[in-house]
Protein backbone atom coordinates (compact mmCIF):
# COMPACT_ATOMS: atom_id res chain seq x y z
CA MET A 1 0.00 0.00 0.00
CA LYS A 2 1.41 3.38 -1.03
CA LYS A 3 1.76 6.23 1.41
CA ASN A 4 -1.18 8.61 1.22
CA LEU A 5 -0.48 11.08 4.03
CA ALA A 6 1.44 14.29 3.51
CA THR A 7 3.88 15.55 6.12
CA TRP A 8 1.47 18.18 7.44
CA ASP A 9 -1.28 15.57 7.74
CA ARG A 10 1.04 13.25 9.66
CA TRP A 11 2.00 16.01 12.12
CA CYS A 12 -1.65 16.88 12.70
CA ARG A 13 -2.41 13.23 13.46
CA ILE A 14 0.51 13.04 15.89
CA ILE A 15 -0.62 16.13 17.81
CA ILE A 16 -4.30 15.18 17.84
CA GLY A 17 -3.48 11.57 18.76
CA ILE A 18 -1.35 12.63 21.73
CA VAL A 19 -4.04 15.05 22.94
CA ILE A 20 -6.77 12.40 22.68
CA MET A 21 -4.62 9.81 24.46
CA ALA A 22 -3.73 12.23 27.27
CA TYR A 23 -7.38 13.14 27.82
CA ALA A 24 -8.48 9.50 27.69
CA ILE A 25 -5.89 8.44 30.24
CA TYR A 26 -6.85 11.37 32.49
CA ASP A 27 -10.57 10.60 32.18
CA SER A 28 -10.12 6.79 32.28
CA ASN A 29 -12.03 5.96 29.12
CA TRP A 30 -11.46 4.02 25.91
CA TRP A 31 -10.85 6.98 23.58
CA TRP A 32 -7.11 6.27 23.81
CA LEU A 33 -7.68 3.63 21.11
CA LEU A 34 -8.49 6.40 18.63
CA GLY A 35 -5.29 8.16 19.66
CA VAL A 36 -3.28 4.99 19.05
CA ALA A 37 -4.87 4.58 15.61
CA LEU A 38 -4.00 8.16 14.68
CA LEU A 39 -0.41 7.72 15.84
CA PHE A 40 -0.11 4.45 13.90
CA ASN A 41 -1.34 6.19 10.75
CA ALA A 42 1.04 9.08 11.28
CA PHE A 43 4.11 6.91 11.78
CA THR A 44 3.37 4.62 8.84
CA GLY A 45 2.19 7.40 6.50
CA ARG A 46 -0.78 5.31 5.44
CA CYS A 47 -4.49 5.68 6.20
CA LEU A 48 -6.87 2.85 5.34
CA ALA A 49 -9.91 5.16 5.39
CA TYR A 50 -8.24 7.45 2.83
CA ARG A 51 -7.45 4.44 0.65
CA VAL A 52 -11.04 3.16 0.76
CA LEU A 53 -12.37 6.62 -0.11
CA GLY A 54 -9.72 7.18 -2.79
CA LEU A 55 -8.26 10.21 -1.02
CA SER A 56 -4.67 11.30 -0.60
CA THR A 57 -3.12 14.41 0.91
CA CYS A 58 0.23 13.32 -0.45
CA GLN A 59 1.49 15.10 -3.54
CA THR A 60 4.68 14.40 -5.47
CA SER A 61 6.77 14.45 -2.28
CA CYS A 62 5.42 11.03 -1.25
CA ARG A 63 5.98 9.30 -4.55
CA VAL A 64 9.26 7.69 -5.52
CA ASP A 65 10.82 9.16 -8.63
CA THR A 66 11.57 6.09 -10.75
CA GLU A 67 13.43 8.01 -13.48
CA SER A 68 16.16 9.24 -11.11
CA LYS A 69 16.71 5.74 -9.72
CA LYS A 70 17.39 4.29 -13.19
CA SER A 71 20.41 6.56 -13.82
């Protein structure tokens, strides 16, 4: 599966994931699972929901340039 998250999208997921996890731990609820999912997406650069919906925030920076590797 190709990466479909841009750098800015990954950083947003990291920040939001940490905030959700901190609140969930403080409030003793199960929302920390959402925070873990967001962090997993951010660190892998892939989002299954984006793939299913055909979305991608990643532009040319996420794609491997095959022409430069051939030289």
